[in-house]
């Protein structure tokens, strides 16, 4: 189906262009939302009479979108959701959820301005594109976490799904940790070394004594 575009549409064309699209796309989207007209003689004449108003309206909308873009581009928004230890959400974060989160933070956007390829199903920081106008796109970051505290940790770059396996190495306590006085610490270390040396010397002697007892029994 051939249509006349009433505004710039990505991958299709600019305002006033006549383009061929699939009939379903035209009937279900372009025509109902006022983004295009059927390409015929009457509508071509209608478009020419409205071109100035359409261009002025487009310029005004783009100016407003630019103003919002300067405020929202790159901002982070937190979405609290339940999830398992692996970070898999019990559910998902979809375009409606993102619209609500951004709106709750004082920015007015429409659901169809959220360009999300697929629902978010994992904890973490997710880049999401917003199309504020056919010529104005921005990126926001959706921080999906189980709690506000986890969201802050994710902002610092921490992995909140990491599980502590309790395999920390045993802490080694030295004499310097116990005695504040360096002289006492050195003395304690020396005494401990002497005790360990004496223990090592006594083990062979005990083994030799045991051997003598065994020889006496054999006699």
Protein backbone atom coordinates (compact mmCIF):
# COMPACT_ATOMS: atom_id res chain seq x y z
CA UNK A 1 0.00 0.00 0.00
CA UNK A 2 1.30 3.47 -0.87
CA UNK A 3 1.01 6.22 1.77
CA UNK A 4 2.04 9.86 2.31
CA UNK A 5 4.07 10.33 5.50
CA UNK A 6 2.90 13.13 7.77
CA UNK A 7 6.12 13.04 9.84
CA UNK A 8 9.59 11.54 9.69
CA UNK A 9 9.54 7.79 10.37
CA UNK A 10 12.75 5.83 10.79
CA UNK A 11 13.59 3.45 7.97
CA UNK A 12 10.65 4.78 5.94
CA UNK A 13 11.20 8.41 5.04
CA UNK A 14 10.66 12.12 5.76
CA UNK A 15 7.48 14.16 6.01
CA UNK A 16 5.76 14.36 2.61
CA UNK A 17 7.45 11.28 1.19
CA UNK A 18 5.27 8.72 -0.58
CA UNK A 19 6.35 5.23 0.43
CA UNK A 20 5.08 1.70 -0.06
CA UNK A 21 4.36 -0.31 3.10
CA UNK A 22 2.61 -3.52 3.99
CA UNK A 23 -1.19 -3.09 4.12
CA UNK A 24 -1.39 -4.37 7.70
CA UNK A 25 1.23 -1.89 8.92
CA UNK A 26 -0.62 0.97 7.26
CA UNK A 27 -4.11 -0.01 8.46
CA UNK A 28 -3.11 -0.99 11.99
CA UNK A 29 -0.56 1.71 12.76
CA UNK A 30 0.29 4.49 10.30
CA UNK A 31 -3.25 5.52 9.33
CA UNK A 32 -5.03 5.18 12.73
CA UNK A 33 -2.42 7.19 14.68
CA UNK A 34 -2.25 9.95 12.08
CA UNK A 35 1.28 9.34 10.83
CA UNK A 36 0.28 8.90 7.19
CA UNK A 37 -2.47 9.29 4.59
CA UNK A 38 -3.39 6.99 1.75
CA UNK A 39 -1.56 8.14 -1.36
CA UNK A 40 -4.23 9.43 -3.75
CA UNK A 41 -4.96 12.66 -5.56
CA UNK A 42 -7.29 14.05 -2.91
CA UNK A 43 -4.89 13.35 -0.02
CA UNK A 44 -1.94 14.81 -1.93
CA UNK A 45 -3.87 18.06 -2.26
CA UNK A 46 -4.90 17.88 1.42
CA UNK A 47 -1.31 17.36 2.51
CA UNK A 48 -0.11 20.40 0.56
CA UNK A 49 -2.72 22.60 2.26
CA UNK A 50 -1.60 21.31 5.67
CA UNK A 51 2.17 21.15 5.07
CA UNK A 52 2.96 24.44 6.81
CA UNK A 53 0.93 23.55 9.90
CA UNK A 54 2.42 20.05 10.00
CA UNK A 55 5.97 21.37 9.76
CA UNK A 56 5.29 23.94 12.51
CA UNK A 57 3.76 21.25 14.73
CA UNK A 58 6.71 18.96 14.10
CA UNK A 59 9.19 21.71 14.96
CA UNK A 60 7.37 22.46 18.20
CA UNK A 61 7.27 18.79 19.17
CA UNK A 62 10.97 18.38 18.40
CA UNK A 63 11.85 21.43 20.51
CA UNK A 64 9.94 19.98 23.46
CA UNK A 65 11.59 16.59 22.94
CA UNK A 66 15.06 18.19 22.86
CA UNK A 67 14.36 19.91 26.17
CA UNK A 68 13.28 16.63 27.79
CA UNK A 69 16.25 14.81 26.25
CA UNK A 70 18.74 17.15 27.94
CA UNK A 71 17.21 16.33 31.34
CA UNK A 72 16.66 12.59 31.00
CA UNK A 73 19.47 11.30 28.79
CA UNK A 74 21.72 8.89 30.72
CA UNK A 75 19.68 8.97 33.92
CA UNK A 76 19.26 5.90 36.13
CA UNK A 77 15.88 4.64 37.34
CA UNK A 78 15.32 1.87 39.90
CA UNK A 79 12.78 -0.92 39.43
CA UNK A 80 12.31 -3.15 42.49
CA UNK A 81 11.41 -6.74 41.66
CA UNK A 82 11.56 -10.17 43.32
CA UNK A 83 14.21 -12.54 42.00
CA UNK A 84 16.05 -15.75 42.80
CA UNK A 85 19.68 -16.13 43.90
CA UNK A 86 20.81 -16.43 40.28
CA UNK A 87 19.28 -13.05 39.41
CA UNK A 88 16.35 -14.46 37.42
CA UNK A 89 13.24 -12.33 37.99
CA UNK A 90 9.95 -13.81 39.16
CA UNK A 91 8.26 -12.13 36.22
CA UNK A 92 9.72 -9.36 34.07
CA UNK A 93 10.07 -5.60 33.54
CA UNK A 94 8.16 -4.56 30.42
CA UNK A 95 7.56 -1.27 28.59
CA UNK A 96 4.62 -0.38 30.83
CA UNK A 97 6.73 -0.89 33.97
CA UNK A 98 9.53 1.28 32.59
CA UNK A 99 7.03 3.99 31.64
CA UNK A 100 5.61 3.95 35.18
CA UNK A 101 9.05 4.10 36.83
CA UNK A 102 10.16 7.06 34.70
CA UNK A 103 6.84 8.88 35.15
CA UNK A 104 7.00 8.40 38.93
CA UNK A 105 10.32 10.23 38.86
CA UNK A 106 8.82 13.31 37.28
CA UNK A 107 9.24 12.74 33.53
CA UNK A 108 6.25 12.47 31.22
CA UNK A 109 6.68 9.83 28.54
CA UNK A 110 4.29 7.58 26.63
CA UNK A 111 4.46 3.81 26.58
CA UNK A 112 5.09 3.74 22.83
CA UNK A 113 8.22 5.86 23.34
CA UNK A 114 9.96 3.01 25.20
CA UNK A 115 11.96 1.04 22.64
CA UNK A 116 12.41 -2.34 24.37
CA UNK A 117 13.26 -5.35 22.20
CA UNK A 118 12.19 -7.83 24.87
CA UNK A 119 11.10 -7.72 28.53
CA UNK A 120 13.89 -7.54 31.13
CA UNK A 121 14.13 -10.81 33.10
CA UNK A 122 17.39 -10.42 35.05
CA UNK A 123 18.70 -8.24 37.85
CA UNK A 124 21.24 -5.61 36.86
CA UNK A 125 21.68 -2.39 34.92
CA UNK A 126 19.92 -2.36 31.55
CA UNK A 127 20.23 0.27 28.79
CA UNK A 128 16.85 1.26 27.36
CA UNK A 129 16.27 3.57 24.40
CA UNK A 130 13.52 6.18 24.47
CA UNK A 131 12.21 7.71 21.25
CA UNK A 132 10.96 11.11 22.40
CA UNK A 133 10.45 12.25 18.82
CA UNK A 134 11.14 10.75 15.38
CA UNK A 135 14.38 12.78 15.41
CA UNK A 136 15.22 12.60 19.14
CA UNK A 137 16.40 9.43 20.87
CA UNK A 138 17.94 9.11 24.34
CA UNK A 139 19.23 6.29 26.51
CA UNK A 140 18.29 5.66 30.14
CA UNK A 141 19.51 2.96 32.53
CA UNK A 142 16.99 0.78 34.34
CA UNK A 143 18.47 -0.59 37.57
CA UNK A 144 16.51 -3.77 38.35
CA UNK A 145 17.12 -4.90 41.95
CA UNK A 146 15.42 -6.69 44.82
CA UNK A 147 15.92 -3.82 47.28
CA UNK A 148 17.05 -0.20 47.27
CA UNK A 149 20.25 -1.33 49.03
CA UNK A 150 20.97 -3.81 46.23
CA UNK A 151 20.30 -1.12 43.65
CA UNK A 152 22.99 1.06 45.28
CA UNK A 153 25.43 -1.87 45.27
CA UNK A 154 24.78 -2.45 41.57
CA UNK A 155 25.45 1.22 40.89
CA UNK A 156 28.87 0.69 42.50
CA UNK A 157 29.51 -2.20 40.13
CA UNK A 158 28.92 -5.05 42.60
CA UNK A 159 27.46 -8.39 41.55
CA UNK A 160 24.52 -8.95 43.90
CA UNK A 161 24.01 -12.49 42.63
CA UNK A 162 27.45 -13.63 43.86
CA UNK A 163 27.02 -16.30 46.56
CA UNK A 164 29.45 -16.46 49.51
CA UNK A 165 30.57 -20.10 49.75
CA UNK A 166 32.18 -19.60 53.16
CA UNK A 167 35.57 -20.57 51.78
CA UNK A 168 37.48 -17.69 53.29
CA UNK A 169 41.00 -18.53 54.39
CA UNK A 170 41.57 -18.95 58.10
CA UNK A 171 42.94 -15.78 59.62
CA UNK A 172 46.50 -16.11 60.92
CA UNK A 173 47.16 -14.30 64.20
CA UNK A 174 50.76 -13.30 64.89
CA UNK A 175 52.45 -12.14 68.07
CA UNK A 176 52.50 -8.62 66.65
CA UNK A 177 48.68 -8.70 66.58
CA UNK A 178 48.56 -9.54 70.33
CA UNK A 179 51.35 -7.41 71.81
CA UNK A 180 51.49 -3.70 71.18
CA UNK A 181 55.09 -3.52 72.49
CA UNK A 182 57.50 -4.64 69.78
CA UNK A 183 60.01 -6.06 72.31
CA UNK A 184 57.36 -8.26 73.96
CA UNK A 185 56.16 -9.42 70.53
CA UNK A 186 59.68 -10.47 69.53
CA UNK A 187 60.19 -12.27 72.85
CA UNK A 188 56.91 -14.18 72.46
CA UNK A 189 57.79 -15.14 68.93
CA UNK A 190 61.19 -16.45 70.05
CA UNK A 191 59.66 -18.49 72.89
CA UNK A 192 57.13 -20.00 70.50
CA UNK A 193 59.90 -20.97 68.10
CA UNK A 194 61.85 -22.64 70.98
CA UNK A 195 58.79 -24.63 72.01
CA UNK A 196 58.21 -25.84 68.46
CA UNK A 197 61.91 -26.81 68.21
CA UNK A 198 61.77 -28.76 71.50
CA UNK A 199 58.65 -30.60 70.36
CA UNK A 200 60.37 -31.58 67.14
CA UNK A 201 63.43 -32.88 69.06
CA UNK A 202 61.38 -34.94 71.51
CA UNK A 203 59.50 -36.91 68.83
CA UNK A 204 62.55 -38.90 67.58
CA UNK A 205 63.60 -39.60 71.17
CA UNK A 206 60.19 -41.01 71.96
CA UNK A 207 60.28 -43.13 68.85
CA UNK A 208 63.71 -44.49 69.87
CA UNK A 209 62.43 -45.32 73.36
CA UNK A 210 59.52 -47.22 71.85
CA UNK A 211 61.93 -49.22 69.70
CA UNK A 212 63.96 -50.21 72.84
CA UNK A 213 60.82 -51.42 74.58
CA UNK A 214 59.91 -53.56 71.58
CA UNK A 215 63.44 -55.10 71.55
CA UNK A 216 63.17 -55.94 75.27
CA UNK A 217 59.88 -57.73 74.71
CA UNK A 218 61.42 -59.79 71.91
CA UNK A 219 64.28 -60.90 74.28
